Amino acid sequence: MNPTLDLAKKIQAELAPAVCLRSGILLRRLKTVAGADVSYGRWEKHGFAAIVVCAYPDLEILEIASA
């Protein structure tokens, strides 16, 4: 296994307990939400990433970034 993948799995396991799955948690205080996606081609040397940040609850786009 790739050492970078091992590190990513370790970080994900450490962060997982902080995820709250209960509905209604502080939604009244929520101001922004974000979505991200990462992809790569099987034989490509580089990956691609995009992030969008939106105001909540109207989902007006506040910022877009890609690399």
PDB file of N, CA and C in Angstrom:
ATOM      1  N   MET A   1       0.838  -1.184   0.000  1.00  0.00           N
ATOM      2  CA  MET A   1       0.000   0.000   0.000  1.00  0.00           C
ATOM      3  C   MET A   1       0.884   1.249   0.000  1.00  0.00           C
ATOM      4  N   ASN A   2       0.409   2.299  -0.622  1.00  0.00           N
ATOM      5  CA  ASN A   2       1.100   3.569  -0.734  1.00  0.00           C
ATOM      6  C   ASN A   2       1.182   4.241   0.642  1.00  0.00           C
ATOM      7  N   PRO A   3       2.370   4.724   1.061  1.00  0.00           N
ATOM      8  CA  PRO A   3       2.479   5.384   2.368  1.00  0.00           C
ATOM      9  C   PRO A   3       1.549   6.601   2.480  1.00  0.00           C
ATOM     10  N   THR A   4       1.329   7.308   1.386  1.00  0.00           N
ATOM     11  CA  THR A   4       0.430   8.451   1.408  1.00  0.00           C
ATOM     12  C   THR A   4      -1.000   7.990   1.670  1.00  0.00           C
ATOM     13  N   LEU A   5      -1.392   6.886   1.067  1.00  0.00           N
ATOM     14  CA  LEU A   5      -2.723   6.332   1.298  1.00  0.00           C
ATOM     15  C   LEU A   5      -2.861   5.875   2.746  1.00  0.00           C
ATOM     16  N   ASP A   6      -1.827   5.269   3.280  1.00  0.00           N
ATOM     17  CA  ASP A   6      -1.848   4.851   4.686  1.00  0.00           C
ATOM     18  C   ASP A   6      -2.054   6.058   5.603  1.00  0.00           C
ATOM     19  N   LEU A   7      -1.347   7.153   5.316  1.00  0.00           N
ATOM     20  CA  LEU A   7      -1.494   8.358   6.124  1.00  0.00           C
ATOM     21  C   LEU A   7      -2.905   8.929   5.995  1.00  0.00           C
ATOM     22  N   ALA A   8      -3.443   8.953   4.781  1.00  0.00           N
ATOM     23  CA  ALA A   8      -4.800   9.460   4.560  1.00  0.00           C
ATOM     24  C   ALA A   8      -5.815   8.633   5.346  1.00  0.00           C
ATOM     25  N   LYS A   9      -5.663   7.320   5.339  1.00  0.00           N
ATOM     26  CA  LYS A   9      -6.574   6.456   6.087  1.00  0.00           C
ATOM     27  C   LYS A   9      -6.459   6.705   7.587  1.00  0.00           C
ATOM     28  N   LYS A  10      -5.249   6.935   8.067  1.00  0.00           N
ATOM     29  CA  LYS A  10      -5.039   7.208   9.492  1.00  0.00           C
ATOM     30  C   LYS A  10      -5.719   8.516   9.876  1.00  0.00           C
ATOM     31  N   ILE A  11      -5.543   9.544   9.060  1.00  0.00           N
ATOM     32  CA  ILE A  11      -6.164  10.847   9.344  1.00  0.00           C
ATOM     33  C   ILE A  11      -7.681  10.723   9.315  1.00  0.00           C
ATOM     34  N   GLN A  12      -8.198  10.003   8.325  1.00  0.00           N
ATOM     35  CA  GLN A  12      -9.646   9.835   8.225  1.00  0.00           C
ATOM     36  C   GLN A  12     -10.193   9.114   9.460  1.00  0.00           C
ATOM     37  N   ALA A  13      -9.496   8.093   9.920  1.00  0.00           N
ATOM     38  CA  ALA A  13      -9.935   7.360  11.104  1.00  0.00           C
ATOM     39  C   ALA A  13      -9.920   8.254  12.348  1.00  0.00           C
ATOM     40  N   GLU A  14      -8.944   9.172  12.425  1.00  0.00           N
ATOM     41  CA  GLU A  14      -8.869  10.088  13.562  1.00  0.00           C
ATOM     42  C   GLU A  14      -9.993  11.128  13.516  1.00  0.00           C
ATOM     43  N   LEU A  15     -10.373  11.562  12.304  1.00  0.00           N
ATOM     44  CA  LEU A  15     -11.405  12.591  12.170  1.00  0.00           C
ATOM     45  C   LEU A  15     -12.825  12.034  12.241  1.00  0.00           C
ATOM     46  N   ALA A  16     -13.005  10.773  11.901  1.00  0.00           N
ATOM     47  CA  ALA A  16     -14.345  10.176  11.820  1.00  0.00           C
ATOM     48  C   ALA A  16     -15.186  10.366  13.083  1.00  0.00           C
ATOM     49  N   PRO A  17     -14.625  10.228  14.290  1.00  0.00           N
ATOM     50  CA  PRO A  17     -15.460  10.405  15.480  1.00  0.00           C
ATOM     51  C   PRO A  17     -16.031  11.821  15.628  1.00  0.00           C
ATOM     52  N   ALA A  18     -15.447  12.795  14.949  1.00  0.00           N
ATOM     53  CA  ALA A  18     -15.929  14.182  15.048  1.00  0.00           C
ATOM     54  C   ALA A  18     -17.143  14.437  14.151  1.00  0.00           C
ATOM     55  N   VAL A  19     -17.464  13.509  13.267  1.00  0.00           N
ATOM     56  CA  VAL A  19     -18.607  13.677  12.373  1.00  0.00           C
ATOM     57  C   VAL A  19     -19.891  13.444  13.163  1.00  0.00           C
ATOM     58  N   CYS A  20     -20.812  14.381  13.057  1.00  0.00           N
ATOM     59  CA  CYS A  20     -22.082  14.286  13.763  1.00  0.00           C
ATOM     60  C   CYS A  20     -23.168  13.943  12.751  1.00  0.00           C
ATOM     61  N   LEU A  21     -23.871  12.851  12.962  1.00  0.00           N
ATOM     62  CA  LEU A  21     -24.900  12.392  12.041  1.00  0.00           C
ATOM     63  C   LEU A  21     -26.307  12.717  12.519  1.00  0.00           C
ATOM     64  N   ARG A  22     -26.452  13.403  13.627  1.00  0.00           N
ATOM     65  CA  ARG A  22     -27.773  13.782  14.137  1.00  0.00           C
ATOM     66  C   ARG A  22     -28.314  14.953  13.324  1.00  0.00           C
ATOM     67  N   SER A  23     -29.563  14.891  12.937  1.00  0.00           N
ATOM     68  CA  SER A  23     -30.146  15.985  12.164  1.00  0.00           C
ATOM     69  C   SER A  23     -30.449  17.174  13.069  1.00  0.00           C
ATOM     70  N   GLY A  24     -30.422  18.368  12.488  1.00  0.00           N
ATOM     71  CA  GLY A  24     -30.783  19.569  13.214  1.00  0.00           C
ATOM     72  C   GLY A  24     -29.698  20.144  14.100  1.00  0.00           C
ATOM     73  N   ILE A  25     -28.498  19.621  14.033  1.00  0.00           N
ATOM     74  CA  ILE A  25     -27.430  20.123  14.887  1.00  0.00           C
ATOM     75  C   ILE A  25     -26.990  21.518  14.431  1.00  0.00           C
ATOM     76  N   LEU A  26     -27.338  22.515  15.194  1.00  0.00           N
ATOM     77  CA  LEU A  26     -26.900  23.889  14.991  1.00  0.00           C
ATOM     78  C   LEU A  26     -27.104  24.416  13.572  1.00  0.00           C
ATOM     79  N   LEU A  27     -28.103  23.923  12.851  1.00  0.00           N
ATOM     80  CA  LEU A  27     -28.344  24.420  11.497  1.00  0.00           C
ATOM     81  C   LEU A  27     -28.663  25.904  11.504  1.00  0.00           C
ATOM     82  N   ARG A  28     -29.246  26.393  12.566  1.00  0.00           N
ATOM     83  CA  ARG A  28     -29.574  27.820  12.628  1.00  0.00           C
ATOM     84  C   ARG A  28     -28.311  28.675  12.655  1.00  0.00           C
ATOM     85  N   ARG A  29     -27.189  28.112  13.059  1.00  0.00           N
ATOM     86  CA  ARG A  29     -25.920  28.850  13.104  1.00  0.00           C
ATOM     87  C   ARG A  29     -25.073  28.635  11.861  1.00  0.00           C
ATOM     88  N   LEU A  30     -25.463  27.718  11.019  1.00  0.00           N
ATOM     89  CA  LEU A  30     -24.698  27.397   9.821  1.00  0.00           C
ATOM     90  C   LEU A  30     -24.758  28.559   8.838  1.00  0.00           C
ATOM     91  N   LYS A  31     -23.613  29.014   8.370  1.00  0.00           N
ATOM     92  CA  LYS A  31     -23.544  30.148   7.448  1.00  0.00           C
ATOM     93  C   LYS A  31     -23.030  29.757   6.063  1.00  0.00           C
ATOM     94  N   THR A  32     -22.129  28.781   6.005  1.00  0.00           N
ATOM     95  CA  THR A  32     -21.566  28.352   4.725  1.00  0.00           C
ATOM     96  C   THR A  32     -21.456  26.829   4.682  1.00  0.00           C
ATOM     97  N   VAL A  33     -21.501  26.306   3.471  1.00  0.00           N
ATOM     98  CA  VAL A  33     -21.263  24.888   3.226  1.00  0.00           C
ATOM     99  C   VAL A  33     -20.297  24.784   2.052  1.00  0.00           C
ATOM    100  N   ALA A  34     -19.616  23.665   1.946  1.00  0.00           N
ATOM    101  CA  ALA A  34     -18.653  23.487   0.859  1.00  0.00           C
ATOM    102  C   ALA A  34     -18.739  22.066   0.323  1.00  0.00           C
ATOM    103  N   GLY A  35     -18.407  21.945  -0.937  1.00  0.00           N
ATOM    104  CA  GLY A  35     -18.322  20.635  -1.565  1.00  0.00           C
ATOM    105  C   GLY A  35     -16.992  20.538  -2.285  1.00  0.00           C
ATOM    106  N   ALA A  36     -16.433  19.354  -2.324  1.00  0.00           N
ATOM    107  CA  ALA A  36     -15.136  19.153  -2.966  1.00  0.00           C
ATOM    108  C   ALA A  36     -15.136  17.853  -3.748  1.00  0.00           C
ATOM    109  N   ASP A  37     -14.327  17.820  -4.785  1.00  0.00           N
ATOM    110  CA  ASP A  37     -14.165  16.597  -5.561  1.00  0.00           C
ATOM    111  C   ASP A  37     -12.725  16.529  -6.044  1.00  0.00           C
ATOM    112  N   VAL A  38     -12.186  15.336  -6.051  1.00  0.00           N
ATOM    113  CA  VAL A  38     -10.824  15.105  -6.518  1.00  0.00           C
ATOM    114  C   VAL A  38     -10.857  13.921  -7.459  1.00  0.00           C
ATOM    115  N   SER A  39     -10.121  14.016  -8.546  1.00  0.00           N
ATOM    116  CA  SER A  39     -10.058  12.885  -9.473  1.00  0.00           C
ATOM    117  C   SER A  39      -8.666  12.815 -10.103  1.00  0.00           C
ATOM    118  N   TYR A  40      -8.410  11.688 -10.709  1.00  0.00           N
ATOM    119  CA  TYR A  40      -7.137  11.514 -11.413  1.00  0.00           C
ATOM    120  C   TYR A  40      -7.346  10.502 -12.519  1.00  0.00           C
ATOM    121  N   GLY A  41      -6.524  10.614 -13.539  1.00  0.00           N
ATOM    122  CA  GLY A  41      -6.534   9.621 -14.600  1.00  0.00           C
ATOM    123  C   GLY A  41      -5.593   8.493 -14.234  1.00  0.00           C
ATOM    124  N   ARG A  42      -5.958   7.311 -14.597  1.00  0.00           N
ATOM    125  CA  ARG A  42      -5.163   6.134 -14.219  1.00  0.00           C
ATOM    126  C   ARG A  42      -3.696   6.253 -14.633  1.00  0.00           C
ATOM    127  N   TRP A  43      -3.442   6.819 -15.800  1.00  0.00           N
ATOM    128  CA  TRP A  43      -2.069   6.930 -16.289  1.00  0.00           C
ATOM    129  C   TRP A  43      -1.582   8.375 -16.311  1.00  0.00           C
ATOM    130  N   GLU A  44      -2.267   9.242 -15.612  1.00  0.00           N
ATOM    131  CA  GLU A  44      -1.869  10.651 -15.559  1.00  0.00           C
ATOM    132  C   GLU A  44      -0.899  10.889 -14.411  1.00  0.00           C
ATOM    133  N   LYS A  45      -0.088  11.918 -14.555  1.00  0.00           N
ATOM    134  CA  LYS A  45       0.856  12.280 -13.495  1.00  0.00           C
ATOM    135  C   LYS A  45       0.256  13.265 -12.507  1.00  0.00           C
ATOM    136  N   HIS A  46      -0.869  13.873 -12.872  1.00  0.00           N
ATOM    137  CA  HIS A  46      -1.466  14.898 -12.027  1.00  0.00           C
ATOM    138  C   HIS A  46      -2.930  14.580 -11.760  1.00  0.00           C
ATOM    139  N   GLY A  47      -3.399  15.032 -10.611  1.00  0.00           N
ATOM    140  CA  GLY A  47      -4.806  14.907 -10.271  1.00  0.00           C
ATOM    141  C   GLY A  47      -5.512  16.235 -10.490  1.00  0.00           C
ATOM    142  N   PHE A  48      -6.796  16.250 -10.287  1.00  0.00           N
ATOM    143  CA  PHE A  48      -7.612  17.437 -10.463  1.00  0.00           C
ATOM    144  C   PHE A  48      -8.497  17.586  -9.231  1.00  0.00           C
ATOM    145  N   ALA A  49      -8.661  18.809  -8.794  1.00  0.00           N
ATOM    146  CA  ALA A  49      -9.487  19.053  -7.615  1.00  0.00           C
ATOM    147  C   ALA A  49     -10.324  20.311  -7.820  1.00  0.00           C
ATOM    148  N   ALA A  50     -11.498  20.320  -7.234  1.00  0.00           N
ATOM    149  CA  ALA A  50     -12.367  21.495  -7.272  1.00  0.00           C
ATOM    150  C   ALA A  50     -13.103  21.614  -5.946  1.00  0.00           C
ATOM    151  N   ILE A  51     -13.285  22.845  -5.515  1.00  0.00           N
ATOM    152  CA  ILE A  51     -14.023  23.133  -4.280  1.00  0.00           C
ATOM    153  C   ILE A  51     -14.952  24.308  -4.554  1.00  0.00           C
ATOM    154  N   VAL A  52     -16.158  24.218  -4.041  1.00  0.00           N
ATOM    155  CA  VAL A  52     -17.088  25.341  -4.121  1.00  0.00           C
ATOM    156  C   VAL A  52     -17.618  25.619  -2.715  1.00  0.00           C
ATOM    157  N   VAL A  53     -17.637  26.887  -2.342  1.00  0.00           N
ATOM    158  CA  VAL A  53     -18.160  27.321  -1.048  1.00  0.00           C
ATOM    159  C   VAL A  53     -19.433  28.116  -1.316  1.00  0.00           C
ATOM    160  N   CYS A  54     -20.502  27.758  -0.632  1.00  0.00           N
ATOM    161  CA  CYS A  54     -21.801  28.404  -0.830  1.00  0.00           C
ATOM    162  C   CYS A  54     -22.332  28.955   0.479  1.00  0.00           C
ATOM    163  N   ALA A  55     -23.097  30.041   0.371  1.00  0.00           N
ATOM    164  CA  ALA A  55     -23.819  30.565   1.528  1.00  0.00           C
ATOM    165  C   ALA A  55     -24.945  29.589   1.854  1.00  0.00           C
ATOM    166  N   TYR A  56     -25.288  29.494   3.125  1.00  0.00           N
ATOM    167  CA  TYR A  56     -26.381  28.630   3.534  1.00  0.00           C
ATOM    168  C   TYR A  56     -27.430  29.479   4.229  1.00  0.00           C
ATOM    169  N   PRO A  57     -28.690  29.343   3.908  1.00  0.00           N
ATOM    170  CA  PRO A  57     -29.344  28.254   3.194  1.00  0.00           C
ATOM    171  C   PRO A  57     -29.633  28.525   1.711  1.00  0.00           C
ATOM    172  N   ASP A  58     -29.309  29.718   1.195  1.00  0.00           N
ATOM    173  CA  ASP A  58     -29.694  30.018  -0.188  1.00  0.00           C
ATOM    174  C   ASP A  58     -28.761  29.409  -1.241  1.00  0.00           C
ATOM    175  N   LEU A  59     -27.612  28.889  -0.825  1.00  0.00           N
ATOM    176  CA  LEU A  59     -26.642  28.231  -1.695  1.00  0.00           C
ATOM    177  C   LEU A  59     -26.059  29.149  -2.769  1.00  0.00           C
ATOM    178  N   GLU A  60     -26.008  30.444  -2.474  1.00  0.00           N
ATOM    179  CA  GLU A  60     -25.312  31.384  -3.370  1.00  0.00           C
ATOM    180  C   GLU A  60     -23.830  31.012  -3.360  1.00  0.00           C
ATOM    181  N   ILE A  61     -23.236  30.911  -4.544  1.00  0.00           N
ATOM    182  CA  ILE A  61     -21.811  30.558  -4.644  1.00  0.00           C
ATOM    183  C   ILE A  61     -20.972  31.725  -4.157  1.00  0.00           C
ATOM    184  N   LEU A  62     -20.123  31.462  -3.176  1.00  0.00           N
ATOM    185  CA  LEU A  62     -19.250  32.485  -2.618  1.00  0.00           C
ATOM    186  C   LEU A  62     -17.843  32.403  -3.175  1.00  0.00           C
ATOM    187  N   GLU A  63     -17.404  31.180  -3.439  1.00  0.00           N
ATOM    188  CA  GLU A  63     -16.024  31.012  -3.922  1.00  0.00           C
ATOM    189  C   GLU A  63     -15.902  29.663  -4.631  1.00  0.00           C
ATOM    190  N   ILE A  64     -15.096  29.657  -5.686  1.00  0.00           N
ATOM    191  CA  ILE A  64     -14.800  28.426  -6.437  1.00  0.00           C
ATOM    192  C   ILE A  64     -13.287  28.367  -6.596  1.00  0.00           C
ATOM    193  N   ALA A  65     -12.722  27.199  -6.398  1.00  0.00           N
ATOM    194  CA  ALA A  65     -11.295  26.999  -6.620  1.00  0.00           C
ATOM    195  C   ALA A  65     -11.085  25.663  -7.286  1.00  0.00           C
ATOM    196  N   SER A  66     -10.098  25.605  -8.163  1.00  0.00           N
ATOM    197  CA  SER A  66      -9.759  24.325  -8.809  1.00  0.00           C
ATOM    198  C   SER A  66      -8.263  24.293  -9.084  1.00  0.00           C
ATOM    199  N   ALA A  67      -7.759  23.101  -9.173  1.00  0.00           N
ATOM    200  CA  ALA A  67      -6.335  22.915  -9.453  1.00  0.00           C
ATOM    201  C   ALA A  67      -6.140  21.597 -10.153  1.00  0.00           C
TER     202      ALA A  67
END
